[in-house]
Amino acid sequence: MGGLLQALVGVSEKAAELARLCRREEPLFQLLVAEKTGPEKNRRFLQDFKTLADVLIQEVIKHDLGKEFPELQGHIHGEESNEFRDVQGESGVTGAGGSTLGPWGCD
């Protein structure tokens, strides 16, 4: 159990660093915001947004914990889908494992 707790603290620190990096460049950050629509949108809010940072952090956590604890693979889920459409209408998919497919890069 101690190993899992340490891993959770580690991914939390990595998530915080990713969020800081994404926030550091405000003009770039504004391009990386998408409004949720349809079933993805939370009904409690008039508008609901996700950022590329949200998606990256979620996928990094799934990847890192799944790598360290293979028995958890397929059981770690987040709020956001890994599909992302930016404010200019460009879309891509961020994959666990660090690859990003779409207009922001390609593996």
N, C-alpha and C. Protein backbone atom coordinates (compact mmCIF):
# COMPACT_ATOMS: atom_id res chain seq x y z
N MET A 1 0.83 -1.20 0.00
CA MET A 1 0.00 0.00 0.00
C MET A 1 0.87 1.26 0.00
N GLY A 2 2.02 1.21 0.68
CA GLY A 2 2.93 2.35 0.72
C GLY A 2 3.45 2.71 -0.65
N GLY A 3 3.68 1.68 -1.49
CA GLY A 3 4.16 1.94 -2.85
C GLY A 3 3.14 2.69 -3.68
N LEU A 4 1.88 2.34 -3.53
CA LEU A 4 0.81 3.02 -4.26
C LEU A 4 0.69 4.46 -3.79
N LEU A 5 0.77 4.68 -2.49
CA LEU A 5 0.69 6.03 -1.95
C LEU A 5 1.84 6.89 -2.48
N GLN A 6 3.04 6.34 -2.49
CA GLN A 6 4.19 7.07 -3.04
C GLN A 6 3.99 7.39 -4.52
N ALA A 7 3.46 6.43 -5.26
CA ALA A 7 3.21 6.64 -6.69
C ALA A 7 2.16 7.73 -6.90
N LEU A 8 1.13 7.76 -6.07
CA LEU A 8 0.09 8.78 -6.17
C LEU A 8 0.65 10.17 -5.88
N VAL A 9 1.53 10.26 -4.88
CA VAL A 9 2.17 11.54 -4.59
C VAL A 9 3.05 11.95 -5.77
N GLY A 10 3.77 11.00 -6.35
CA GLY A 10 4.63 11.28 -7.49
C GLY A 10 3.86 11.80 -8.70
N VAL A 11 2.74 11.15 -9.04
CA VAL A 11 1.96 11.62 -10.19
C VAL A 11 1.27 12.94 -9.87
N SER A 12 0.94 13.18 -8.61
CA SER A 12 0.36 14.47 -8.22
C SER A 12 1.37 15.60 -8.44
N GLU A 13 2.62 15.35 -8.07
CA GLU A 13 3.67 16.36 -8.28
C GLU A 13 3.90 16.59 -9.78
N LYS A 14 3.89 15.52 -10.57
CA LYS A 14 4.06 15.64 -12.01
C LYS A 14 2.89 16.41 -12.62
N ALA A 15 1.68 16.15 -12.14
CA ALA A 15 0.49 16.85 -12.63
C ALA A 15 0.58 18.35 -12.33
N ALA A 16 1.02 18.68 -11.14
CA ALA A 16 1.15 20.09 -10.77
C ALA A 16 2.18 20.79 -11.66
N GLU A 17 3.28 20.13 -11.96
CA GLU A 17 4.30 20.72 -12.83
C GLU A 17 3.77 20.90 -14.25
N LEU A 18 3.03 19.93 -14.77
CA LEU A 18 2.42 20.07 -16.09
C LEU A 18 1.46 21.26 -16.13
N ALA A 19 0.66 21.41 -15.10
CA ALA A 19 -0.28 22.52 -15.04
C ALA A 19 0.46 23.85 -15.01
N ARG A 20 1.53 23.93 -14.22
CA ARG A 20 2.31 25.17 -14.17
C ARG A 20 2.93 25.50 -15.53
N LEU A 21 3.46 24.49 -16.20
CA LEU A 21 4.06 24.71 -17.52
C LEU A 21 3.03 25.21 -18.53
N CYS A 22 1.84 24.62 -18.51
CA CYS A 22 0.80 25.03 -19.44
C CYS A 22 0.30 26.44 -19.14
N ARG A 23 0.25 26.81 -17.87
CA ARG A 23 -0.24 28.13 -17.46
C ARG A 23 0.79 29.24 -17.71
N ARG A 24 2.05 28.86 -17.78
CA ARG A 24 3.13 29.84 -17.90
C ARG A 24 2.98 30.72 -19.14
N GLU A 25 2.51 30.16 -20.22
CA GLU A 25 2.34 30.89 -21.48
C GLU A 25 0.86 31.17 -21.71
N GLU A 26 0.37 32.25 -21.15
CA GLU A 26 -1.07 32.58 -21.19
C GLU A 26 -1.66 32.61 -22.60
N PRO A 27 -1.01 33.26 -23.60
CA PRO A 27 -1.61 33.26 -24.95
C PRO A 27 -1.74 31.84 -25.52
N LEU A 28 -0.73 31.02 -25.30
CA LEU A 28 -0.78 29.64 -25.77
C LEU A 28 -1.85 28.87 -25.01
N PHE A 29 -1.92 29.09 -23.70
CA PHE A 29 -2.90 28.40 -22.87
C PHE A 29 -4.32 28.65 -23.37
N GLN A 30 -4.62 29.89 -23.80
CA GLN A 30 -5.96 30.23 -24.28
C GLN A 30 -6.34 29.43 -25.53
N LEU A 31 -5.37 29.06 -26.35
CA LEU A 31 -5.64 28.23 -27.53
C LEU A 31 -5.95 26.79 -27.14
N LEU A 32 -5.54 26.40 -25.95
CA LEU A 32 -5.65 25.01 -25.53
C LEU A 32 -6.84 24.77 -24.62
N VAL A 33 -7.90 25.55 -24.81
CA VAL A 33 -9.13 25.42 -24.03
C VAL A 33 -10.24 25.02 -24.98
N ALA A 34 -11.03 24.03 -24.57
CA ALA A 34 -12.16 23.58 -25.39
C ALA A 34 -13.43 23.56 -24.56
N GLU A 35 -14.52 24.01 -25.16
CA GLU A 35 -15.81 23.94 -24.48
C GLU A 35 -16.39 22.54 -24.68
N LYS A 36 -16.85 21.96 -23.58
CA LYS A 36 -17.48 20.65 -23.66
C LYS A 36 -18.92 20.81 -24.14
N THR A 37 -19.37 19.88 -24.97
CA THR A 37 -20.74 19.90 -25.46
C THR A 37 -21.31 18.49 -25.38
N GLY A 38 -22.61 18.38 -25.58
CA GLY A 38 -23.26 17.08 -25.61
C GLY A 38 -23.11 16.32 -24.30
N PRO A 39 -22.97 15.00 -24.38
CA PRO A 39 -22.90 14.18 -23.17
C PRO A 39 -21.65 14.43 -22.34
N GLU A 40 -20.63 15.05 -22.94
CA GLU A 40 -19.39 15.34 -22.22
C GLU A 40 -19.57 16.51 -21.24
N LYS A 41 -20.54 17.40 -21.52
CA LYS A 41 -20.77 18.60 -20.71
C LYS A 41 -21.46 18.24 -19.39
N ASN A 42 -21.01 18.86 -18.32
CA ASN A 42 -21.64 18.69 -17.01
C ASN A 42 -22.91 19.53 -16.99
N ARG A 43 -24.05 18.91 -16.74
CA ARG A 43 -25.35 19.61 -16.78
C ARG A 43 -25.49 20.65 -15.69
N ARG A 44 -24.67 20.59 -14.65
CA ARG A 44 -24.77 21.56 -13.56
C ARG A 44 -24.27 22.94 -13.96
N PHE A 45 -23.54 23.03 -15.08
CA PHE A 45 -22.94 24.30 -15.48
C PHE A 45 -23.54 24.80 -16.78
N LEU A 46 -23.66 26.12 -16.87
CA LEU A 46 -24.12 26.73 -18.11
C LEU A 46 -23.10 26.46 -19.22
N GLN A 47 -21.82 26.62 -18.88
CA GLN A 47 -20.74 26.29 -19.79
C GLN A 47 -19.75 25.41 -19.03
N ASP A 48 -19.12 24.47 -19.74
CA ASP A 48 -18.15 23.56 -19.13
C ASP A 48 -16.96 23.48 -20.07
N PHE A 49 -15.77 23.61 -19.52
CA PHE A 49 -14.57 23.64 -20.33
C PHE A 49 -13.58 22.58 -19.88
N LYS A 50 -12.72 22.19 -20.81
CA LYS A 50 -11.56 21.37 -20.46
C LYS A 50 -10.37 21.98 -21.16
N THR A 51 -9.20 21.73 -20.62
CA THR A 51 -7.98 22.24 -21.23
C THR A 51 -7.11 21.07 -21.67
N LEU A 52 -6.21 21.36 -22.58
CA LEU A 52 -5.26 20.33 -22.98
C LEU A 52 -4.46 19.87 -21.77
N ALA A 53 -4.21 20.78 -20.84
CA ALA A 53 -3.51 20.41 -19.61
C ALA A 53 -4.29 19.34 -18.85
N ASP A 54 -5.62 19.49 -18.75
CA ASP A 54 -6.46 18.48 -18.08
C ASP A 54 -6.26 17.11 -18.71
N VAL A 55 -6.31 17.11 -20.03
CA VAL A 55 -6.22 15.85 -20.77
C VAL A 55 -4.82 15.24 -20.62
N LEU A 56 -3.78 16.07 -20.76
CA LEU A 56 -2.41 15.57 -20.62
C LEU A 56 -2.17 15.00 -19.23
N ILE A 57 -2.60 15.73 -18.21
CA ILE A 57 -2.41 15.27 -16.83
C ILE A 57 -3.12 13.94 -16.61
N GLN A 58 -4.34 13.85 -17.05
CA GLN A 58 -5.11 12.61 -16.89
C GLN A 58 -4.40 11.44 -17.58
N GLU A 59 -3.92 11.65 -18.80
CA GLU A 59 -3.27 10.57 -19.55
C GLU A 59 -1.92 10.20 -18.94
N VAL A 60 -1.18 11.17 -18.42
CA VAL A 60 0.10 10.88 -17.76
C VAL A 60 -0.13 10.06 -16.50
N ILE A 61 -1.16 10.40 -15.74
CA ILE A 61 -1.46 9.64 -14.53
C ILE A 61 -1.83 8.20 -14.89
N LYS A 62 -2.69 8.03 -15.89
CA LYS A 62 -3.06 6.67 -16.32
C LYS A 62 -1.83 5.90 -16.77
N HIS A 63 -0.96 6.55 -17.54
CA HIS A 63 0.24 5.89 -18.06
C HIS A 63 1.19 5.51 -16.93
N ASP A 64 1.53 6.49 -16.09
CA ASP A 64 2.53 6.24 -15.04
C ASP A 64 2.06 5.20 -14.03
N LEU A 65 0.81 5.32 -13.56
CA LEU A 65 0.31 4.34 -12.58
C LEU A 65 0.13 2.97 -13.23
N GLY A 66 -0.32 2.94 -14.48
CA GLY A 66 -0.48 1.66 -15.18
C GLY A 66 0.85 0.97 -15.42
N LYS A 67 1.89 1.76 -15.65
CA LYS A 67 3.22 1.19 -15.86
C LYS A 67 3.78 0.61 -14.55
N GLU A 68 3.61 1.35 -13.46
CA GLU A 68 4.13 0.90 -12.17
C GLU A 68 3.27 -0.19 -11.54
N PHE A 69 1.97 -0.15 -11.81
CA PHE A 69 1.03 -1.14 -11.26
C PHE A 69 0.20 -1.71 -12.40
N PRO A 70 0.74 -2.67 -13.15
CA PRO A 70 0.04 -3.21 -14.33
C PRO A 70 -1.37 -3.72 -14.03
N GLU A 71 -1.61 -4.15 -12.82
CA GLU A 71 -2.94 -4.65 -12.46
C GLU A 71 -4.00 -3.54 -12.47
N LEU A 72 -3.56 -2.28 -12.47
CA LEU A 72 -4.49 -1.15 -12.51
C LEU A 72 -4.82 -0.70 -13.93
N GLN A 73 -4.06 -1.18 -14.92
CA GLN A 73 -4.32 -0.78 -16.30
C GLN A 73 -5.75 -1.13 -16.68
N GLY A 74 -6.42 -0.18 -17.29
CA GLY A 74 -7.81 -0.38 -17.68
C GLY A 74 -8.81 -0.06 -16.58
N HIS A 75 -8.30 0.24 -15.37
CA HIS A 75 -9.18 0.55 -14.25
C HIS A 75 -9.03 2.00 -13.78
N ILE A 76 -8.16 2.75 -14.43
CA ILE A 76 -7.96 4.15 -14.06
C ILE A 76 -8.70 5.00 -15.10
N HIS A 77 -9.67 5.74 -14.63
CA HIS A 77 -10.50 6.55 -15.53
C HIS A 77 -10.53 7.97 -15.02
N GLY A 78 -10.69 8.90 -15.94
CA GLY A 78 -10.77 10.30 -15.57
C GLY A 78 -12.03 10.93 -16.11
N GLU A 79 -12.20 12.18 -15.81
CA GLU A 79 -13.40 12.91 -16.23
C GLU A 79 -13.39 13.22 -17.72
N GLU A 80 -12.21 13.50 -18.28
CA GLU A 80 -12.11 13.98 -19.64
C GLU A 80 -11.86 12.86 -20.64
N SER A 81 -12.45 12.99 -21.84
CA SER A 81 -12.07 12.10 -22.92
C SER A 81 -10.71 12.58 -23.42
N ASN A 82 -9.99 11.71 -24.11
CA ASN A 82 -8.68 12.13 -24.59
C ASN A 82 -8.74 12.78 -25.97
N GLU A 83 -9.96 13.07 -26.44
CA GLU A 83 -10.13 13.84 -27.68
C GLU A 83 -10.22 15.31 -27.30
N PHE A 84 -9.56 16.12 -28.11
CA PHE A 84 -9.49 17.54 -27.79
C PHE A 84 -9.68 18.37 -29.05
N ARG A 85 -10.56 19.35 -28.98
CA ARG A 85 -10.78 20.29 -30.09
C ARG A 85 -10.52 21.68 -29.54
N ASP A 86 -9.51 22.37 -30.08
CA ASP A 86 -9.15 23.68 -29.56
C ASP A 86 -10.11 24.77 -30.04
N VAL A 87 -9.87 26.01 -29.60
CA VAL A 87 -10.77 27.11 -29.92
C VAL A 87 -10.82 27.42 -31.41
N GLN A 88 -9.84 26.96 -32.17
CA GLN A 88 -9.83 27.18 -33.62
C GLN A 88 -10.46 26.01 -34.37
N GLY A 89 -10.98 25.04 -33.63
CA GLY A 89 -11.66 23.91 -34.25
C GLY A 89 -10.76 22.76 -34.63
N GLU A 90 -9.46 22.87 -34.33
CA GLU A 90 -8.52 21.78 -34.61
C GLU A 90 -8.74 20.67 -33.58
N SER A 91 -8.66 19.42 -34.02
CA SER A 91 -8.85 18.34 -33.07
C SER A 91 -7.68 17.38 -33.11
N GLY A 92 -7.54 16.64 -32.03
CA GLY A 92 -6.48 15.64 -31.91
C GLY A 92 -6.81 14.71 -30.77
N VAL A 93 -6.02 13.68 -30.63
CA VAL A 93 -6.21 12.70 -29.56
C VAL A 93 -4.90 12.60 -28.80
N THR A 94 -4.97 12.73 -27.48
CA THR A 94 -3.79 12.61 -26.64
C THR A 94 -3.78 11.21 -26.08
N GLY A 95 -2.72 10.46 -26.33
CA GLY A 95 -2.66 9.08 -25.90
C GLY A 95 -1.84 8.88 -24.66
N ALA A 96 -2.23 7.91 -23.85
CA ALA A 96 -1.43 7.52 -22.71
C ALA A 96 -0.13 6.95 -23.26
N GLY A 97 0.97 7.40 -22.78
CA GLY A 97 2.24 7.00 -23.32
C GLY A 97 2.95 8.20 -23.90
N GLY A 98 2.29 9.35 -23.81
CA GLY A 98 2.93 10.59 -24.18
C GLY A 98 2.76 11.02 -25.61
N SER A 99 2.12 10.22 -26.46
CA SER A 99 1.99 10.63 -27.85
C SER A 99 0.77 11.52 -28.02
N THR A 100 0.89 12.47 -28.91
CA THR A 100 -0.23 13.32 -29.26
C THR A 100 -0.43 13.23 -30.75
N LEU A 101 -1.63 12.91 -31.16
CA LEU A 101 -1.94 12.78 -32.58
C LEU A 101 -2.87 13.90 -32.96
N GLY A 102 -2.55 14.59 -34.00
CA GLY A 102 -3.38 15.69 -34.45
C GLY A 102 -2.51 16.86 -34.84
N PRO A 103 -3.06 18.05 -34.88
CA PRO A 103 -2.32 19.21 -35.36
C PRO A 103 -1.21 19.66 -34.43
N TRP A 104 -1.15 19.14 -33.20
CA TRP A 104 -0.14 19.59 -32.24
C TRP A 104 1.11 18.74 -32.27
N GLY A 105 1.18 17.75 -33.09
CA GLY A 105 2.36 16.88 -33.14
C GLY A 105 1.92 15.50 -33.56
N CYS A 106 2.87 14.65 -33.76
CA CYS A 106 2.53 13.31 -34.23
C CYS A 106 3.60 12.33 -33.83
N ASP A 107 3.21 11.18 -33.34
CA ASP A 107 4.13 10.08 -33.04
C ASP A 107 3.83 8.93 -33.96
